[in-house]
C-alpha atoms as a PDB file:
ATOM      1  CA  MET A   1     156.199-177.545  72.200  1.00  0.00           C
ATOM      2  CA  ARG A   2     157.002-176.329  69.434  1.00  0.00           C
ATOM      3  CA  THR A   3     160.568-175.738  68.507  1.00  0.00           C
ATOM      4  CA  HIS A   4     160.650-172.237  68.498  1.00  0.00           C
ATOM      5  CA  GLU A   5     159.039-172.013  72.034  1.00  0.00           C
ATOM      6  CA  VAL A   6     162.328-174.040  73.420  1.00  0.00           C
ATOM      7  CA  VAL A   7     164.384-171.045  72.369  1.00  0.00           C
ATOM      8  CA  LEU A   8     162.134-168.867  73.880  1.00  0.00           C
ATOM      9  CA  ARG A   9     161.591-170.604  77.203  1.00  0.00           C
ATOM     10  CA  ARG A  10     166.173-170.670  77.622  1.00  0.00           C
ATOM     11  CA  ILE A  11     165.905-166.581  75.846  1.00  0.00           C
ATOM     12  CA  GLU A  12     162.974-166.348  79.114  1.00  0.00           C
ATOM     13  CA  SER A  13     165.690-168.678  81.581  1.00  0.00           C
ATOM     14  CA  ASP A  14     168.565-166.467  80.904  1.00  0.00           C
ATOM     15  CA  LEU A  15     166.742-163.281  80.999  1.00  0.00           C
ATOM     16  CA  ALA A  16     165.345-164.096  84.680  1.00  0.00           C
ATOM     17  CA  ALA A  17     168.393-165.395  85.951  1.00  0.00           C
ATOM     18  CA  GLY A  18     170.351-162.240  85.097  1.00  0.00           C
ATOM     19  CA  ARG A  19     172.312-164.622  82.832  1.00  0.00           C
ATOM     20  CA  VAL A  20     171.261-161.825  79.828  1.00  0.00           C
ATOM     21  CA  ALA A  21     170.157-158.171  80.456  1.00  0.00           C
ATOM     22  CA  VAL A  22     168.947-155.115  78.573  1.00  0.00           C
ATOM     23  CA  GLY A  23     171.914-153.505  76.638  1.00  0.00           C
ATOM     24  CA  GLY A  24     173.323-157.229  76.414  1.00  0.00           C
ATOM     25  CA  ARG A  25     173.835-159.773  73.115  1.00  0.00           C
ATOM     26  CA  LEU A  26     172.036-162.864  72.938  1.00  0.00           C
ATOM     27  CA  PRO A  27     174.515-165.924  71.829  1.00  0.00           C
ATOM     28  CA  ALA A  28     174.763-166.458  68.280  1.00  0.00           C
ATOM     29  CA  GLU A  29     172.077-168.078  65.978  1.00  0.00           C
ATOM     30  CA  ARG A  30     174.481-170.962  65.657  1.00  0.00           C
ATOM     31  CA  ALA A  31     175.720-171.254  68.733  1.00  0.00           C
ATOM     32  CA  LEU A  32     172.208-171.566  70.151  1.00  0.00           C
ATOM     33  CA  ALA A  33     171.029-174.095  67.312  1.00  0.00           C
ATOM     34  CA  GLU A  34     173.651-176.257  68.275  1.00  0.00           C
ATOM     35  CA  GLU A  35     173.427-176.135  72.106  1.00  0.00           C
ATOM     36  CA  LEU A  36     169.278-176.424  72.352  1.00  0.00           C
ATOM     37  CA  GLY A  37     169.249-179.295  69.167  1.00  0.00           C
ATOM     38  CA  VAL A  38     167.100-177.291  67.104  1.00  0.00           C
ATOM     39  CA  GLY A  39     167.610-175.772  63.657  1.00  0.00           C
ATOM     40  CA  ARG A  40     168.639-171.985  63.254  1.00  0.00           C
ATOM     41  CA  SER A  41     165.139-171.324  61.407  1.00  0.00           C
ATOM     42  CA  SER A  42     164.117-172.491  64.563  1.00  0.00           C
ATOM     43  CA  VAL A  43     166.340-170.095  66.463  1.00  0.00           C
ATOM     44  CA  ARG A  44     165.502-167.346  64.106  1.00  0.00           C
ATOM     45  CA  GLU A  45     161.577-167.776  64.152  1.00  0.00           C
ATOM     46  CA  ALA A  46     161.847-167.026  67.930  1.00  0.00           C
ATOM     47  CA  LEU A  47     164.044-163.909  67.426  1.00  0.00           C
ATOM     48  CA  ARG A  48     160.967-162.787  65.375  1.00  0.00           C
ATOM     49  CA  VAL A  49     158.873-163.555  67.937  1.00  0.00           C
ATOM     50  CA  LEU A  50     160.620-161.822  70.667  1.00  0.00           C
ATOM     51  CA  GLU A  51     161.494-158.694  67.629  1.00  0.00           C
ATOM     52  CA  ALA A  52     157.565-157.878  67.449  1.00  0.00           C
ATOM     53  CA  MET A  53     157.090-158.358  71.360  1.00  0.00           C
ATOM     54  CA  GLY A  54     159.781-155.481  71.542  1.00  0.00           C
ATOM     55  CA  VAL A  55     162.797-157.708  74.017  1.00  0.00           C
ATOM     56  CA  VAL A  56     164.856-158.045  71.296  1.00  0.00           C
ATOM     57  CA  ARG A  57     166.521-155.740  68.137  1.00  0.00           C
ATOM     58  CA  THR A  58     168.257-157.535  65.925  1.00  0.00           C
ATOM     59  CA  SER A  59     170.415-156.274  62.865  1.00  0.00           C
ATOM     60  CA  ALA A  60     172.215-158.418  60.465  1.00  0.00           C
ATOM     61  CA  GLY A  61     175.899-158.512  59.818  1.00  0.00           C
ATOM     62  CA  SER A  62     178.755-158.840  61.342  1.00  0.00           C
ATOM     63  CA  GLY A  63     180.244-155.675  62.897  1.00  0.00           C
ATOM     64  CA  PRO A  64     179.363-154.624  66.789  1.00  0.00           C
ATOM     65  CA  ASP A  65     175.725-153.942  66.371  1.00  0.00           C
ATOM     66  CA  ALA A  66     175.260-157.128  64.478  1.00  0.00           C
ATOM     67  CA  GLY A  67     173.068-159.824  66.326  1.00  0.00           C
ATOM     68  CA  ALA A  68     169.900-159.524  68.702  1.00  0.00           C
ATOM     69  CA  ILE A  69     170.493-157.285  71.300  1.00  0.00           C
ATOM     70  CA  VAL A  70     167.960-157.292  74.386  1.00  0.00           C
ATOM     71  CA  ALA A  71     166.139-153.832  74.362  1.00  0.00           C
ATOM     72  CA  ALA A  72     162.631-154.270  76.333  1.00  0.00           C
ATOM     73  CA  ASP A  73     160.340-152.003  75.106  1.00  0.00           C
ATOM     74  CA  PRO A  74     157.110-153.118  76.531  1.00  0.00           C
ATOM     75  CA  ALA A  75     154.969-150.364  75.360  1.00  0.00           C
ATOM     76  CA  ASP A  76     155.119-150.493  72.174  1.00  0.00           C
ATOM     77  CA  SER A  77     154.765-154.111  72.217  1.00  0.00           C
ATOM     78  CA  ILE A  78     151.689-154.263  74.590  1.00  0.00           C
ATOM     79  CA  GLY A  79     150.539-150.942  72.223  1.00  0.00           C
ATOM     80  CA  THR A  80     150.787-153.341  68.959  1.00  0.00           C
ATOM     81  CA  ALA A  81     149.174-156.070  70.298  1.00  0.00           C
ATOM     82  CA  LEU A  82     146.220-153.644  71.910  1.00  0.00           C
ATOM     83  CA  ARG A  83     145.570-152.080  68.705  1.00  0.00           C
ATOM     84  CA  LEU A  84     145.118-154.896  66.492  1.00  0.00           C
ATOM     85  CA  HIS A  85     142.925-156.471  68.957  1.00  0.00           C
ATOM     86  CA  VAL A  86     140.880-152.846  68.611  1.00  0.00           C
ATOM     87  CA  ALA A  87     141.069-153.672  65.225  1.00  0.00           C
ATOM     88  CA  THR A  88     139.299-156.993  65.413  1.00  0.00           C
ATOM     89  CA  ARG A  89     136.578-155.775  67.841  1.00  0.00           C
ATOM     90  CA  THR A  90     137.566-158.150  70.352  1.00  0.00           C
ATOM     91  CA  LEU A  91     138.551-155.519  72.966  1.00  0.00           C
ATOM     92  CA  PRO A  92     135.428-152.838  72.586  1.00  0.00           C
ATOM     93  CA  VAL A  93     136.414-149.430  73.189  1.00  0.00           C
ATOM     94  CA  ARG A  94     134.778-149.055  75.959  1.00  0.00           C
ATOM     95  CA  ASP A  95     136.518-151.475  78.124  1.00  0.00           C
ATOM     96  CA  LEU A  96     139.751-149.273  77.261  1.00  0.00           C
ATOM     97  CA  VAL A  97     138.731-146.604  78.628  1.00  0.00           C
ATOM     98  CA  GLN A  98     137.031-148.029  81.648  1.00  0.00           C
ATOM     99  CA  THR A  99     140.451-149.711  81.963  1.00  0.00           C
ATOM    100  CA  ARG A 100     142.140-145.768  81.588  1.00  0.00           C
ATOM    101  CA  ILE A 101     139.914-144.632  84.137  1.00  0.00           C
ATOM    102  CA  LEU A 102     141.357-147.269  86.317  1.00  0.00           C
ATOM    103  CA  LEU A 103     145.015-146.804  85.874  1.00  0.00           C
ATOM    104  CA  GLU A 104     144.823-143.140  85.474  1.00  0.00           C
ATOM    105  CA  THR A 105     143.019-142.459  89.091  1.00  0.00           C
ATOM    106  CA  TRP A 106     145.253-144.578  90.948  1.00  0.00           C
ATOM    107  CA  ALA A 107     148.446-143.003  88.749  1.00  0.00           C
ATOM    108  CA  VAL A 108     147.471-139.029  89.753  1.00  0.00           C
ATOM    109  CA  ARG A 109     146.193-140.142  93.298  1.00  0.00           C
ATOM    110  CA  GLU A 110     150.097-141.623  93.714  1.00  0.00           C
ATOM    111  CA  ALA A 111     151.389-138.821  91.670  1.00  0.00           C
ATOM    112  CA  ALA A 112     150.148-136.191  94.326  1.00  0.00           C
ATOM    113  CA  PHE A 113     151.943-138.354  97.203  1.00  0.00           C
ATOM    114  CA  ARG A 114     155.156-138.132  95.055  1.00  0.00           C
ATOM    115  CA  ALA A 115     155.547-135.112  93.165  1.00  0.00           C
ATOM    116  CA  ALA A 116     153.223-132.235  95.349  1.00  0.00           C
ATOM    117  CA  GLY A 117     155.274-129.292  95.609  1.00  0.00           C
ATOM    118  CA  THR A 118     158.022-130.429  92.778  1.00  0.00           C
ATOM    119  CA  GLU A 119     159.267-128.676  89.719  1.00  0.00           C
ATOM    120  CA  MET A 120     157.485-130.114  86.949  1.00  0.00           C
ATOM    121  CA  PRO A 121     159.076-128.561  83.677  1.00  0.00           C
ATOM    122  CA  ALA A 122     157.925-131.550  81.008  1.00  0.00           C
ATOM    123  CA  ILE A 123     154.251-131.553  81.958  1.00  0.00           C
ATOM    124  CA  ASP A 124     154.375-127.300  82.032  1.00  0.00           C
ATOM    125  CA  ALA A 125     155.897-127.695  78.520  1.00  0.00           C
ATOM    126  CA  LEU A 126     153.418-129.767  77.425  1.00  0.00           C
ATOM    127  CA  LEU A 127     150.572-127.847  79.158  1.00  0.00           C
ATOM    128  CA  ASP A 128     151.658-124.536  77.182  1.00  0.00           C
ATOM    129  CA  ALA A 129     152.320-126.522  73.999  1.00  0.00           C
ATOM    130  CA  MET A 130     149.105-127.380  73.512  1.00  0.00           C
ATOM    131  CA  ASP A 131     147.276-124.104  74.470  1.00  0.00           C
ATOM    132  CA  ASP A 132     148.504-123.031  70.344  1.00  0.00           C
ATOM    133  CA  PRO A 133     144.869-122.392  68.647  1.00  0.00           C
ATOM    134  CA  ALA A 134     146.939-123.869  65.444  1.00  0.00           C
ATOM    135  CA  LEU A 135     147.000-126.861  66.617  1.00  0.00           C
ATOM    136  CA  THR A 136     145.388-129.484  64.539  1.00  0.00           C
ATOM    137  CA  PRO A 137     142.775-131.864  66.364  1.00  0.00           C
ATOM    138  CA  ASP A 138     145.689-134.758  65.828  1.00  0.00           C
ATOM    139  CA  GLN A 139     148.341-132.972  67.344  1.00  0.00           C
ATOM    140  CA  PHE A 140     146.445-131.966  70.173  1.00  0.00           C
ATOM    141  CA  HIS A 141     145.363-135.382  70.745  1.00  0.00           C
ATOM    142  CA  ARG A 142     149.387-136.125  70.383  1.00  0.00           C
ATOM    143  CA  LEU A 143     150.345-133.720  72.976  1.00  0.00           C
ATOM    144  CA  ASP A 144     146.958-134.844  75.413  1.00  0.00           C
ATOM    145  CA  ALA A 145     148.626-138.506  74.923  1.00  0.00           C
ATOM    146  CA  GLU A 146     152.374-137.518  75.983  1.00  0.00           C
ATOM    147  CA  LEU A 147     150.648-135.561  79.114  1.00  0.00           C
ATOM    148  CA  HIS A 148     148.628-138.499  80.431  1.00  0.00           C
ATOM    149  CA  VAL A 149     151.422-140.799  80.258  1.00  0.00           C
ATOM    150  CA  ALA A 150     153.741-138.279  81.619  1.00  0.00           C
ATOM    151  CA  LEU A 151     151.219-137.548  84.126  1.00  0.00           C
ATOM    152  CA  SER A 152     151.239-141.236  85.085  1.00  0.00           C
ATOM    153  CA  GLY A 153     154.959-141.746  84.952  1.00  0.00           C
ATOM    154  CA  LEU A 154     155.198-139.197  88.275  1.00  0.00           C
ATOM    155  CA  ALA A 155     153.540-142.382  89.805  1.00  0.00           C
ATOM    156  CA  GLY A 156     157.217-144.249  89.604  1.00  0.00           C
ATOM    157  CA  ASN A 157     155.822-147.368  88.098  1.00  0.00           C
ATOM    158  CA  LEU A 158     157.179-148.527  85.325  1.00  0.00           C
ATOM    159  CA  LEU A 159     154.508-151.193  84.086  1.00  0.00           C
ATOM    160  CA  ILE A 160     151.384-148.229  84.971  1.00  0.00           C
ATOM    161  CA  GLU A 161     153.307-146.306  82.541  1.00  0.00           C
ATOM    162  CA  ALA A 162     153.842-148.395  79.618  1.00  0.00           C
ATOM    163  CA  MET A 163     150.155-149.534  79.924  1.00  0.00           C
ATOM    164  CA  MET A 164     149.396-146.280  79.641  1.00  0.00           C
ATOM    165  CA  SER A 165     151.248-145.537  76.726  1.00  0.00           C
ATOM    166  CA  ALA A 166     150.286-148.618  75.053  1.00  0.00           C
ATOM    167  CA  LEU A 167     146.162-147.677  75.975  1.00  0.00           C
ATOM    168  CA  ARG A 168     146.107-144.308  74.472  1.00  0.00           C
ATOM    169  CA  GLU A 169     147.686-145.177  71.030  1.00  0.00           C
ATOM    170  CA  ALA A 170     145.541-148.383  70.576  1.00  0.00           C
ATOM    171  CA  ILE A 171     142.724-145.965  70.724  1.00  0.00           C
ATOM    172  CA  HIS A 172     144.314-142.876  69.014  1.00  0.00           C
ATOM    173  CA  GLY A 173     142.427-143.693  65.864  1.00  0.00           C
ATOM    174  CA  TYR A 174     139.278-143.993  67.342  1.00  0.00           C
ATOM    175  CA  VAL A 175     139.317-140.921  68.902  1.00  0.00           C
ATOM    176  CA  MET A 176     140.439-138.997  65.881  1.00  0.00           C
ATOM    177  CA  ALA A 177     137.700-140.543  64.233  1.00  0.00           C
ATOM    178  CA  ALA A 178     135.409-139.650  66.892  1.00  0.00           C
ATOM    179  CA  VAL A 179     136.733-135.764  66.664  1.00  0.00           C
ATOM    180  CA  SER A 180     135.794-135.481  63.234  1.00  0.00           C
ATOM    181  CA  ARG A 181     132.040-136.193  63.771  1.00  0.00           C
ATOM    182  CA  LEU A 182     132.876-133.008  66.405  1.00  0.00           C
ATOM    183  CA  THR A 183     130.338-129.634  65.313  1.00  0.00           C
ATOM    184  CA  ASP A 184     132.859-127.437  67.816  1.00  0.00           C
ATOM    185  CA  TRP A 185     136.323-128.973  68.182  1.00  0.00           C
ATOM    186  CA  PRO A 186     137.919-125.760  69.772  1.00  0.00           C
ATOM    187  CA  ALA A 187     134.786-125.200  72.360  1.00  0.00           C
ATOM    188  CA  VAL A 188     135.770-129.073  73.472  1.00  0.00           C
ATOM    189  CA  ALA A 189     139.898-128.045  72.823  1.00  0.00           C
ATOM    190  CA  ALA A 190     139.389-125.047  75.744  1.00  0.00           C
ATOM    191  CA  GLU A 191     137.882-127.455  77.642  1.00  0.00           C
ATOM    192  CA  LEU A 192     140.346-129.873  77.902  1.00  0.00           C
ATOM    193  CA  ARG A 193     142.925-127.456  78.508  1.00  0.00           C
ATOM    194  CA  ARG A 194     141.597-126.405  81.209  1.00  0.00           C
ATOM    195  CA  GLU A 195     140.463-129.909  82.523  1.00  0.00           C
ATOM    196  CA  HIS A 196     143.933-130.441  82.611  1.00  0.00           C
ATOM    197  CA  ARG A 197     145.192-127.395  84.194  1.00  0.00           C
ATOM    198  CA  GLU A 198     142.798-128.827  87.070  1.00  0.00           C
ATOM    199  CA  ILE A 199     144.299-131.476  86.805  1.00  0.00           C
ATOM    200  CA  VAL A 200     147.987-130.529  87.372  1.00  0.00           C
ATOM    201  CA  ALA A 201     147.054-127.981  89.709  1.00  0.00           C
ATOM    202  CA  ALA A 202     145.577-130.804  92.256  1.00  0.00           C
ATOM    203  CA  ILE A 203     148.631-133.225  91.710  1.00  0.00           C
ATOM    204  CA  ARG A 204     151.134-130.027  93.044  1.00  0.00           C
ATOM    205  CA  ARG A 205     148.940-129.236  95.587  1.00  0.00           C
ATOM    206  CA  GLY A 206     149.109-132.869  96.720  1.00  0.00           C
ATOM    207  CA  HIS A 207     145.034-133.726  96.561  1.00  0.00           C
ATOM    208  CA  GLY A 208     145.007-137.197  95.368  1.00  0.00           C
ATOM    209  CA  ALA A 209     142.089-137.815  95.686  1.00  0.00           C
ATOM    210  CA  LYS A 210     140.749-134.960  93.812  1.00  0.00           C
ATOM    211  CA  ALA A 211     142.990-135.536  90.935  1.00  0.00           C
ATOM    212  CA  ALA A 212     141.496-138.963  91.030  1.00  0.00           C
ATOM    213  CA  GLU A 213     137.954-137.461  90.379  1.00  0.00           C
ATOM    214  CA  LEU A 214     139.034-134.970  88.135  1.00  0.00           C
ATOM    215  CA  VAL A 215     140.386-137.774  85.838  1.00  0.00           C
ATOM    216  CA  GLN A 216     137.779-140.364  86.329  1.00  0.00           C
ATOM    217  CA  VAL A 217     135.417-136.875  84.916  1.00  0.00           C
ATOM    218  CA  HIS A 218     137.485-135.774  82.275  1.00  0.00           C
ATOM    219  CA  ILE A 219     138.163-139.090  81.014  1.00  0.00           C
ATOM    220  CA  ALA A 220     134.588-140.260  81.214  1.00  0.00           C
ATOM    221  CA  GLY A 221     133.406-136.888  80.127  1.00  0.00           C
ATOM    222  CA  PHE A 222     135.387-136.838  76.528  1.00  0.00           C
ATOM    223  CA  HIS A 223     134.298-140.147  75.810  1.00  0.00           C
ATOM    224  CA  ALA A 224     130.668-139.709  75.865  1.00  0.00           C
ATOM    225  CA  LEU A 225     131.219-136.704  74.164  1.00  0.00           C
ATOM    226  CA  VAL A 226     132.425-138.598  71.144  1.00  0.00           C
ATOM    227  CA  ASP A 227     130.403-141.746  71.708  1.00  0.00           C
ATOM    228  CA  PRO A 228     126.902-140.667  73.204  1.00  0.00           C
ATOM    229  CA  GLY A 229     125.867-144.181  72.542  1.00  0.00           C
ATOM    230  CA  ALA A 230     128.519-146.023  74.371  1.00  0.00           C
END
C-alpha cells in the first residue's frame, strides 16, 4: 500500500465511525503525518485525492477557514469522473442514456408515490422558464438538466439524485454537439416542453407507471433524434 493510501484509509475510518462529520475539520497535516508515521507530502497527496473526489475542501493559511474541511459533494466528483471517461470513449453515450432511463423511470415512479397532490413550485418555475422562446439551446438544456435532477430529487434518494446530476453533466457536451445538427430546433424544443409537462402531470396525479413510461419515451426519443445511428 502506498503511503498516501494509509492516510486515506485513516480518514475513511474516521468518517465511517463518525469521529469526523460533514462540516468538521480533519486533523492538521503535521498531526496526521506524525500519528501515521508518514511524510507530510503523503498527507498532502491524500488530501488532493479527497478534494478531487469532492469529499473535502482545503484552504491554505492559519485562519478559521484554513485546513481541510469535510464537504461531501458526490454529484460533482461523480460528474467529473464520468465526463473524463466519456471523453476517453470508454463509456459509450448509449450506455449512459440507458442508465439514465433506468434511474429516472424508478425515480419518477417513486416521486409519484411521494409527491402526488403536493405543490411543486421549483418544478413549475423550471417548466415556465423553459417556455421562453428566446432561450438558446444551451440555456434550454441546462434548465432541462435542472428539471430532470429536480424530478429525481422528489424520490427522496440522495444517491439517485447525485448520480442523475452527474449523468446529465457528463452528456451535456454530447447533447449540445448533436443539437447543432438538428434542422428545426424550435419544433424539437416545443415537443420537449410538451413531454416535460406530461411527465409532471402524471407525477401530480400519482400515476407512477405512466410517469415512468413517459420518461422512457422522452429520453429514448430524444437520443434517437440526435443520434439516429446509435
